[in-house]
PDB file of N, CA and C in Angstrom:
ATOM      1  N   MET A   1     -21.875   5.704   4.896  1.00  0.00           N
ATOM      2  CA  MET A   1     -20.771   6.011   4.028  1.00  0.00           C
ATOM      3  C   MET A   1     -19.500   6.032   4.861  1.00  0.00           C
ATOM      4  N   SER A   2     -18.412   5.636   4.256  1.00  0.00           N
ATOM      5  CA  SER A   2     -17.132   5.696   4.941  1.00  0.00           C
ATOM      6  C   SER A   2     -16.113   6.407   4.052  1.00  0.00           C
ATOM      7  N   VAL A   3     -15.189   7.076   4.714  1.00  0.00           N
ATOM      8  CA  VAL A   3     -14.136   7.805   4.012  1.00  0.00           C
ATOM      9  C   VAL A   3     -12.789   7.445   4.627  1.00  0.00           C
ATOM     10  N   PHE A   4     -11.755   7.625   3.846  1.00  0.00           N
ATOM     11  CA  PHE A   4     -10.410   7.444   4.350  1.00  0.00           C
ATOM     12  C   PHE A   4      -9.916   8.762   4.935  1.00  0.00           C
ATOM     13  N   GLN A   5      -8.938   8.671   5.787  1.00  0.00           N
ATOM     14  CA  GLN A   5      -8.338   9.849   6.405  1.00  0.00           C
ATOM     15  C   GLN A   5      -7.772  10.793   5.343  1.00  0.00           C
ATOM     16  N   SER A   6      -7.543  10.291   4.160  1.00  0.00           N
ATOM     17  CA  SER A   6      -6.970  11.108   3.080  1.00  0.00           C
ATOM     18  C   SER A   6      -7.921  12.196   2.579  1.00  0.00           C
ATOM     19  N   VAL A   7      -9.171  12.237   3.077  1.00  0.00           N
ATOM     20  CA  VAL A   7     -10.060  13.338   2.703  1.00  0.00           C
ATOM     21  C   VAL A   7      -9.582  14.649   3.321  1.00  0.00           C
ATOM     22  N   LEU A   8      -8.624  14.564   4.237  1.00  0.00           N
ATOM     23  CA  LEU A   8      -8.086  15.768   4.868  1.00  0.00           C
ATOM     24  C   LEU A   8      -6.825  16.208   4.144  1.00  0.00           C
ATOM     25  N   SER A   9      -6.710  17.504   3.929  1.00  0.00           N
ATOM     26  CA  SER A   9      -5.494  18.018   3.298  1.00  0.00           C
ATOM     27  C   SER A   9      -4.368  18.100   4.320  1.00  0.00           C
ATOM     28  N   PHE A  10      -4.691  18.399   5.558  1.00  0.00           N
ATOM     29  CA  PHE A  10      -3.744  18.321   6.669  1.00  0.00           C
ATOM     30  C   PHE A  10      -4.524  18.153   7.956  1.00  0.00           C
ATOM     31  N   SER A  11      -3.842  17.585   8.959  1.00  0.00           N
ATOM     32  CA  SER A  11      -4.592  17.240  10.168  1.00  0.00           C
ATOM     33  C   SER A  11      -3.759  17.306  11.443  1.00  0.00           C
ATOM     34  N   ASP A  12      -2.658  18.008  11.414  1.00  0.00           N
ATOM     35  CA  ASP A  12      -1.810  18.044  12.600  1.00  0.00           C
ATOM     36  C   ASP A  12      -1.423  19.471  12.925  1.00  0.00           C
ATOM     37  N   PRO A  13      -1.893  19.986  14.034  1.00  0.00           N
ATOM     38  CA  PRO A  13      -2.743  19.390  15.053  1.00  0.00           C
ATOM     39  C   PRO A  13      -4.200  19.344  14.590  1.00  0.00           C
ATOM     40  N   PRO A  14      -5.022  18.563  15.264  1.00  0.00           N
ATOM     41  CA  PRO A  14      -6.414  18.390  14.830  1.00  0.00           C
ATOM     42  C   PRO A  14      -7.200  19.685  14.642  1.00  0.00           C
ATOM     43  N   SER A  15      -6.960  20.693  15.454  1.00  0.00           N
ATOM     44  CA  SER A  15      -7.780  21.910  15.389  1.00  0.00           C
ATOM     45  C   SER A  15      -7.571  22.725  14.114  1.00  0.00           C
ATOM     46  N   ILE A  16      -6.551  22.426  13.325  1.00  0.00           N
ATOM     47  CA  ILE A  16      -6.360  23.147  12.064  1.00  0.00           C
ATOM     48  C   ILE A  16      -6.672  22.271  10.854  1.00  0.00           C
ATOM     49  N   SER A  17      -7.299  21.134  11.101  1.00  0.00           N
ATOM     50  CA  SER A  17      -7.619  20.206  10.018  1.00  0.00           C
ATOM     51  C   SER A  17      -8.557  20.821   9.002  1.00  0.00           C
ATOM     52  N   GLN A  18      -8.331  20.453   7.766  1.00  0.00           N
ATOM     53  CA  GLN A  18      -9.207  20.894   6.677  1.00  0.00           C
ATOM     54  C   GLN A  18      -9.394  19.761   5.690  1.00  0.00           C
ATOM     55  N   SER A  19     -10.574  19.717   5.096  1.00  0.00           N
ATOM     56  CA  SER A  19     -10.829  18.748   4.045  1.00  0.00           C
ATOM     57  C   SER A  19     -10.049  19.138   2.805  1.00  0.00           C
ATOM     58  N   SER A  20      -9.642  18.144   2.035  1.00  0.00           N
ATOM     59  CA  SER A  20      -8.944  18.424   0.791  1.00  0.00           C
ATOM     60  C   SER A  20      -9.917  19.063  -0.193  1.00  0.00           C
ATOM     61  N   VAL A  21      -9.391  19.817  -1.119  1.00  0.00           N
ATOM     62  CA  VAL A  21     -10.222  20.502  -2.114  1.00  0.00           C
ATOM     63  C   VAL A  21     -11.051  19.487  -2.900  1.00  0.00           C
ATOM     64  N   ALA A  22     -10.447  18.369  -3.245  1.00  0.00           N
ATOM     65  CA  ALA A  22     -11.164  17.339  -4.005  1.00  0.00           C
ATOM     66  C   ALA A  22     -12.322  16.748  -3.205  1.00  0.00           C
ATOM     67  N   ALA A  23     -12.145  16.619  -1.894  1.00  0.00           N
ATOM     68  CA  ALA A  23     -13.183  15.998  -1.060  1.00  0.00           C
ATOM     69  C   ALA A  23     -14.314  16.950  -0.716  1.00  0.00           C
ATOM     70  N   ILE A  24     -14.047  18.241  -0.653  1.00  0.00           N
ATOM     71  CA  ILE A  24     -15.055  19.203  -0.205  1.00  0.00           C
ATOM     72  C   ILE A  24     -16.319  19.154  -1.057  1.00  0.00           C
ATOM     73  N   ALA A  25     -16.171  19.138  -2.373  1.00  0.00           N
ATOM     74  CA  ALA A  25     -17.338  19.138  -3.260  1.00  0.00           C
ATOM     75  C   ALA A  25     -18.242  17.929  -3.008  1.00  0.00           C
ATOM     76  N   ILE A  26     -17.641  16.796  -2.776  1.00  0.00           N
ATOM     77  CA  ILE A  26     -18.415  15.581  -2.529  1.00  0.00           C
ATOM     78  C   ILE A  26     -19.013  15.591  -1.125  1.00  0.00           C
ATOM     79  N   LEU A  27     -18.190  15.941  -0.134  1.00  0.00           N
ATOM     80  CA  LEU A  27     -18.662  15.925   1.252  1.00  0.00           C
ATOM     81  C   LEU A  27     -19.772  16.937   1.506  1.00  0.00           C
ATOM     82  N   LYS A  28     -19.757  18.062   0.806  1.00  0.00           N
ATOM     83  CA  LYS A  28     -20.815  19.065   0.994  1.00  0.00           C
ATOM     84  C   LYS A  28     -22.180  18.536   0.578  1.00  0.00           C
ATOM     85  N   ARG A  29     -22.204  17.580  -0.324  1.00  0.00           N
ATOM     86  CA  ARG A  29     -23.480  16.977  -0.728  1.00  0.00           C
ATOM     87  C   ARG A  29     -23.846  15.784   0.147  1.00  0.00           C
ATOM     88  N   ILE A  30     -22.845  15.042   0.575  1.00  0.00           N
ATOM     89  CA  ILE A  30     -23.103  13.804   1.310  1.00  0.00           C
ATOM     90  C   ILE A  30     -23.425  14.050   2.780  1.00  0.00           C
ATOM     91  N   ILE A  31     -22.696  14.928   3.432  1.00  0.00           N
ATOM     92  CA  ILE A  31     -22.882  15.131   4.873  1.00  0.00           C
ATOM     93  C   ILE A  31     -24.293  15.612   5.223  1.00  0.00           C
ATOM     94  N   PRO A  32     -24.885  16.563   4.496  1.00  0.00           N
ATOM     95  CA  PRO A  32     -26.273  16.934   4.821  1.00  0.00           C
ATOM     96  C   PRO A  32     -27.248  15.751   4.669  1.00  0.00           C
ATOM     97  N   PHE A  33     -27.032  14.910   3.679  1.00  0.00           N
ATOM     98  CA  PHE A  33     -27.865  13.720   3.504  1.00  0.00           C
ATOM     99  C   PHE A  33     -27.724  12.779   4.700  1.00  0.00           C
ATOM    100  N   LEU A  34     -26.476  12.530   5.102  1.00  0.00           N
ATOM    101  CA  LEU A  34     -26.248  11.656   6.251  1.00  0.00           C
ATOM    102  C   LEU A  34     -26.890  12.234   7.506  1.00  0.00           C
ATOM    103  N   ASP A  35     -26.727  13.527   7.703  1.00  0.00           N
ATOM    104  CA  ASP A  35     -27.285  14.188   8.878  1.00  0.00           C
ATOM    105  C   ASP A  35     -28.817  14.131   8.872  1.00  0.00           C
ATOM    106  N   ALA A  36     -29.427  14.416   7.737  1.00  0.00           N
ATOM    107  CA  ALA A  36     -30.893  14.422   7.647  1.00  0.00           C
ATOM    108  C   ALA A  36     -31.484  13.040   7.918  1.00  0.00           C
ATOM    109  N   ASN A  37     -30.744  12.009   7.563  1.00  0.00           N
ATOM    110  CA  ASN A  37     -31.232  10.639   7.748  1.00  0.00           C
ATOM    111  C   ASN A  37     -30.664   9.956   8.988  1.00  0.00           C
ATOM    112  N   LYS A  38     -29.916  10.717   9.780  1.00  0.00           N
ATOM    113  CA  LYS A  38     -29.313  10.201  11.019  1.00  0.00           C
ATOM    114  C   LYS A  38     -28.377   9.024  10.760  1.00  0.00           C
ATOM    115  N   TYR A  39     -27.657   9.084   9.624  1.00  0.00           N
ATOM    116  CA  TYR A  39     -26.668   8.068   9.289  1.00  0.00           C
ATOM    117  C   TYR A  39     -25.299   8.550   9.732  1.00  0.00           C
ATOM    118  N   PRO A  40     -24.427   7.631  10.109  1.00  0.00           N
ATOM    119  CA  PRO A  40     -23.085   8.038  10.528  1.00  0.00           C
ATOM    120  C   PRO A  40     -22.145   8.230   9.335  1.00  0.00           C
ATOM    121  N   LEU A  41     -21.130   9.009   9.549  1.00  0.00           N
ATOM    122  CA  LEU A  41     -20.016   9.095   8.615  1.00  0.00           C
ATOM    123  C   LEU A  41     -18.901   8.285   9.253  1.00  0.00           C
ATOM    124  N   LEU A  42     -18.506   7.229   8.612  1.00  0.00           N
ATOM    125  CA  LEU A  42     -17.466   6.354   9.144  1.00  0.00           C
ATOM    126  C   LEU A  42     -16.124   6.773   8.561  1.00  0.00           C
ATOM    127  N   VAL A  43     -15.100   6.656   9.362  1.00  0.00           N
ATOM    128  CA  VAL A  43     -13.761   7.054   8.931  1.00  0.00           C
ATOM    129  C   VAL A  43     -12.821   5.872   9.074  1.00  0.00           C
ATOM    130  N   HIS A  44     -12.093   5.595   8.022  1.00  0.00           N
ATOM    131  CA  HIS A  44     -11.046   4.580   8.078  1.00  0.00           C
ATOM    132  C   HIS A  44      -9.800   5.250   8.636  1.00  0.00           C
ATOM    133  N   ALA A  45      -9.558   5.042   9.894  1.00  0.00           N
ATOM    134  CA  ALA A  45      -8.390   5.643  10.548  1.00  0.00           C
ATOM    135  C   ALA A  45      -7.439   4.511  10.937  1.00  0.00           C
ATOM    136  N   PHE A  46      -6.255   4.534  10.372  1.00  0.00           N
ATOM    137  CA  PHE A  46      -5.269   3.497  10.617  1.00  0.00           C
ATOM    138  C   PHE A  46      -3.991   4.141  11.149  1.00  0.00           C
ATOM    139  N   PRO A  47      -3.878   4.292  12.462  1.00  0.00           N
ATOM    140  CA  PRO A  47      -2.707   4.957  13.031  1.00  0.00           C
ATOM    141  C   PRO A  47      -1.380   4.310  12.642  1.00  0.00           C
ATOM    142  N   TYR A  48      -1.355   2.981  12.593  1.00  0.00           N
ATOM    143  CA  TYR A  48      -0.095   2.321  12.272  1.00  0.00           C
ATOM    144  C   TYR A  48       0.365   2.679  10.864  1.00  0.00           C
ATOM    145  N   LEU A  49      -0.555   2.778   9.916  1.00  0.00           N
ATOM    146  CA  LEU A  49      -0.168   3.137   8.546  1.00  0.00           C
ATOM    147  C   LEU A  49       0.384   4.556   8.477  1.00  0.00           C
ATOM    148  N   THR A  50      -0.123   5.429   9.331  1.00  0.00           N
ATOM    149  CA  THR A  50       0.426   6.781   9.404  1.00  0.00           C
ATOM    150  C   THR A  50       1.862   6.720   9.903  1.00  0.00           C
ATOM    151  N   TYR A  51       2.104   5.887  10.896  1.00  0.00           N
ATOM    152  CA  TYR A  51       3.470   5.710  11.394  1.00  0.00           C
ATOM    153  C   TYR A  51       4.376   5.167  10.294  1.00  0.00           C
ATOM    154  N   VAL A  52       3.928   4.154   9.572  1.00  0.00           N
ATOM    155  CA  VAL A  52       4.741   3.534   8.513  1.00  0.00           C
ATOM    156  C   VAL A  52       5.090   4.573   7.439  1.00  0.00           C
ATOM    157  N   ALA A  53       4.133   5.453   7.132  1.00  0.00           N
ATOM    158  CA  ALA A  53       4.369   6.478   6.109  1.00  0.00           C
ATOM    159  C   ALA A  53       5.332   7.559   6.584  1.00  0.00           C
ATOM    160  N   GLU A  54       5.353   7.831   7.893  1.00  0.00           N
ATOM    161  CA  GLU A  54       6.182   8.914   8.420  1.00  0.00           C
ATOM    162  C   GLU A  54       6.857   8.517   9.741  1.00  0.00           C
ATOM    163  N   PRO A  55       7.698   7.487   9.726  1.00  0.00           N
ATOM    164  CA  PRO A  55       8.277   7.017  10.986  1.00  0.00           C
ATOM    165  C   PRO A  55       9.201   8.034  11.667  1.00  0.00           C
ATOM    166  N   SER A  56       9.731   8.965  10.924  1.00  0.00           N
ATOM    167  CA  SER A  56      10.598   9.975  11.546  1.00  0.00           C
ATOM    168  C   SER A  56       9.785  11.066  12.255  1.00  0.00           C
ATOM    169  N   ARG A  57       8.503  11.159  11.949  1.00  0.00           N
ATOM    170  CA  ARG A  57       7.647  12.197  12.527  1.00  0.00           C
ATOM    171  C   ARG A  57       6.646  11.666  13.547  1.00  0.00           C
ATOM    172  N   VAL A  58       6.274  10.397  13.431  1.00  0.00           N
ATOM    173  CA  VAL A  58       5.249   9.803  14.302  1.00  0.00           C
ATOM    174  C   VAL A  58       5.901   8.736  15.181  1.00  0.00           C
ATOM    175  N   ARG A  59       5.721   8.869  16.473  1.00  0.00           N
ATOM    176  CA  ARG A  59       6.270   7.873  17.401  1.00  0.00           C
ATOM    177  C   ARG A  59       5.474   6.576  17.320  1.00  0.00           C
ATOM    178  N   LEU A  60       6.182   5.451  17.314  1.00  0.00           N
ATOM    179  CA  LEU A  60       5.524   4.150  17.235  1.00  0.00           C
ATOM    180  C   LEU A  60       4.606   3.913  18.428  1.00  0.00           C
ATOM    181  N   ASP A  61       5.047   4.254  19.633  1.00  0.00           N
ATOM    182  CA  ASP A  61       4.197   4.031  20.806  1.00  0.00           C
ATOM    183  C   ASP A  61       2.927   4.869  20.755  1.00  0.00           C
ATOM    184  N   TYR A  62       2.995   6.029  20.123  1.00  0.00           N
ATOM    185  CA  TYR A  62       1.830   6.901  19.936  1.00  0.00           C
ATOM    186  C   TYR A  62       0.845   6.270  18.954  1.00  0.00           C
ATOM    187  N   ALA A  63       1.353   5.643  17.908  1.00  0.00           N
ATOM    188  CA  ALA A  63       0.503   4.995  16.907  1.00  0.00           C
ATOM    189  C   ALA A  63      -0.115   3.700  17.425  1.00  0.00           C
ATOM    190  N   LEU A  64       0.546   3.043  18.381  1.00  0.00           N
ATOM    191  CA  LEU A  64       0.085   1.742  18.865  1.00  0.00           C
ATOM    192  C   LEU A  64      -0.592   1.783  20.230  1.00  0.00           C
ATOM    193  N   PHE A  65      -0.991   2.969  20.683  1.00  0.00           N
ATOM    194  CA  PHE A  65      -1.701   3.117  21.970  1.00  0.00           C
ATOM    195  C   PHE A  65      -0.835   2.687  23.165  1.00  0.00           C
ATOM    196  N   ASN A  66       0.479   2.812  23.057  1.00  0.00           N
ATOM    197  CA  ASN A  66       1.355   2.326  24.117  1.00  0.00           C
ATOM    198  C   ASN A  66       2.017   3.420  24.939  1.00  0.00           C
ATOM    199  N   THR A  67       1.593   4.642  24.830  1.00  0.00           N
ATOM    200  CA  THR A  67       2.200   5.700  25.629  1.00  0.00           C
ATOM    201  C   THR A  67       1.201   6.229  26.651  1.00  0.00           C
ATOM    202  N   THR A  68       1.718   6.611  27.779  1.00  0.00           N
ATOM    203  CA  THR A  68       0.886   7.270  28.787  1.00  0.00           C
ATOM    204  C   THR A  68       1.165   8.764  28.810  1.00  0.00           C
ATOM    205  N   ASP A  69       2.132   9.188  28.003  1.00  0.00           N
ATOM    206  CA  ASP A  69       2.490  10.605  27.899  1.00  0.00           C
ATOM    207  C   ASP A  69       1.601  11.307  26.883  1.00  0.00           C
ATOM    208  N   VAL A  70       1.368  12.588  27.095  1.00  0.00           N
ATOM    209  CA  VAL A  70       0.726  13.403  26.068  1.00  0.00           C
ATOM    210  C   VAL A  70       1.781  13.656  25.000  1.00  0.00           C
ATOM    211  N   VAL A  71       1.519  13.218  23.795  1.00  0.00           N
ATOM    212  CA  VAL A  71       2.472  13.342  22.697  1.00  0.00           C
ATOM    213  C   VAL A  71       2.185  14.589  21.871  1.00  0.00           C
ATOM    214  N   VAL A  72       0.913  14.881  21.661  1.00  0.00           N
ATOM    215  CA  VAL A  72       0.511  16.058  20.887  1.00  0.00           C
ATOM    216  C   VAL A  72      -0.391  16.919  21.754  1.00  0.00           C
ATOM    217  N   ARG A  73      -0.028  18.167  21.891  1.00  0.00           N
ATOM    218  CA  ARG A  73      -0.840  19.132  22.627  1.00  0.00           C
ATOM    219  C   ARG A  73      -1.476  20.049  21.584  1.00  0.00           C
ATOM    220  N   ASP A  74      -2.793  20.223  21.710  1.00  0.00           N
ATOM    221  CA  ASP A  74      -3.538  21.093  20.794  1.00  0.00           C
ATOM    222  C   ASP A  74      -4.463  21.946  21.656  1.00  0.00           C
ATOM    223  N   GLY A  75      -4.000  23.134  22.012  1.00  0.00           N
ATOM    224  CA  GLY A  75      -4.766  23.982  22.912  1.00  0.00           C
ATOM    225  C   GLY A  75      -4.907  23.306  24.256  1.00  0.00           C
ATOM    226  N   ASN A  76      -6.137  23.159  24.722  1.00  0.00           N
ATOM    227  CA  ASN A  76      -6.401  22.501  26.004  1.00  0.00           C
ATOM    228  C   ASN A  76      -6.413  20.980  25.905  1.00  0.00           C
ATOM    229  N   LEU A  77      -6.359  20.456  24.694  1.00  0.00           N
ATOM    230  CA  LEU A  77      -6.428  19.007  24.494  1.00  0.00           C
ATOM    231  C   LEU A  77      -5.039  18.397  24.419  1.00  0.00           C
ATOM    232  N   GLY A  78      -4.899  17.225  25.011  1.00  0.00           N
ATOM    233  CA  GLY A  78      -3.654  16.472  24.928  1.00  0.00           C
ATOM    234  C   GLY A  78      -3.946  15.083  24.395  1.00  0.00           C
ATOM    235  N   TYR A  79      -3.192  14.658  23.412  1.00  0.00           N
ATOM    236  CA  TYR A  79      -3.426  13.357  22.777  1.00  0.00           C
ATOM    237  C   TYR A  79      -2.345  12.367  23.173  1.00  0.00           C
ATOM    238  N   LYS A  80      -2.785  11.224  23.672  1.00  0.00           N
ATOM    239  CA  LYS A  80      -1.872  10.151  24.070  1.00  0.00           C
ATOM    240  C   LYS A  80      -1.819   9.037  23.037  1.00  0.00           C
ATOM    241  N   ASN A  81      -2.701   9.109  22.039  1.00  0.00           N
ATOM    242  CA  ASN A  81      -2.640   8.134  20.948  1.00  0.00           C
ATOM    243  C   ASN A  81      -3.092   8.798  19.655  1.00  0.00           C
ATOM    244  N   LEU A  82      -2.532   8.318  18.573  1.00  0.00           N
ATOM    245  CA  LEU A  82      -2.778   8.898  17.260  1.00  0.00           C
ATOM    246  C   LEU A  82      -4.219   8.702  16.796  1.00  0.00           C
ATOM    247  N   PHE A  83      -4.843   7.603  17.189  1.00  0.00           N
ATOM    248  CA  PHE A  83      -6.219   7.353  16.767  1.00  0.00           C
ATOM    249  C   PHE A  83      -7.150   8.484  17.207  1.00  0.00           C
ATOM    250  N   ASP A  84      -7.063   8.876  18.468  1.00  0.00           N
ATOM    251  CA  ASP A  84      -7.919   9.959  18.966  1.00  0.00           C
ATOM    252  C   ASP A  84      -7.657  11.258  18.203  1.00  0.00           C
ATOM    253  N   ALA A  85      -6.407  11.541  17.912  1.00  0.00           N
ATOM    254  CA  ALA A  85      -6.078  12.741  17.148  1.00  0.00           C
ATOM    255  C   ALA A  85      -6.647  12.664  15.734  1.00  0.00           C
ATOM    256  N   MET A  86      -6.606  11.491  15.135  1.00  0.00           N
ATOM    257  CA  MET A  86      -7.141  11.321  13.779  1.00  0.00           C
ATOM    258  C   MET A  86      -8.651  11.533  13.762  1.00  0.00           C
ATOM    259  N   VAL A  87      -9.355  10.967  14.722  1.00  0.00           N
ATOM    260  CA  VAL A  87     -10.814  11.127  14.791  1.00  0.00           C
ATOM    261  C   VAL A  87     -11.167  12.591  15.024  1.00  0.00           C
ATOM    262  N   ASP A  88     -10.488  13.250  15.947  1.00  0.00           N
ATOM    263  CA  ASP A  88     -10.759  14.672  16.202  1.00  0.00           C
ATOM    264  C   ASP A  88     -10.452  15.520  14.971  1.00  0.00           C
ATOM    265  N   SER A  89      -9.467  15.132  14.185  1.00  0.00           N
ATOM    266  CA  SER A  89      -9.143  15.871  12.963  1.00  0.00           C
ATOM    267  C   SER A  89     -10.321  15.885  11.999  1.00  0.00           C
ATOM    268  N   VAL A  90     -11.007  14.756  11.900  1.00  0.00           N
ATOM    269  CA  VAL A  90     -12.165  14.668  11.012  1.00  0.00           C
ATOM    270  C   VAL A  90     -13.288  15.545  11.551  1.00  0.00           C
ATOM    271  N   TYR A  91     -13.506  15.514  12.859  1.00  0.00           N
ATOM    272  CA  TYR A  91     -14.536  16.385  13.452  1.00  0.00           C
ATOM    273  C   TYR A  91     -14.223  17.860  13.190  1.00  0.00           C
ATOM    274  N   TRP A  92     -12.991  18.263  13.400  1.00  0.00           N
ATOM    275  CA  TRP A  92     -12.607  19.667  13.199  1.00  0.00           C
ATOM    276  C   TRP A  92     -12.793  20.077  11.741  1.00  0.00           C
ATOM    277  N   ALA A  93     -12.386  19.203  10.813  1.00  0.00           N
ATOM    278  CA  ALA A  93     -12.497  19.551   9.398  1.00  0.00           C
ATOM    279  C   ALA A  93     -13.945  19.671   9.002  1.00  0.00           C
TER     280      ALA A  93
END
């Protein structure tokens, strides 16, 4: 099964991510099934589309894997690209 990043109600920083209310009811039934059968949960994560939606908030180099700087700090974790932050957001949620 695959889901879009929109299953999260918020995801910045990743450690405070939560599933949206609409997604929780469905995910609570699907995730145990996937886990019991050792199937993956795939996530459609498109960093560039996040940048396009919020160019004043998201740096282009962060969305395109072109920075060597830590752009987002979340506790002990530092994110140099938006993709890694998006994936961790799903794990946290």
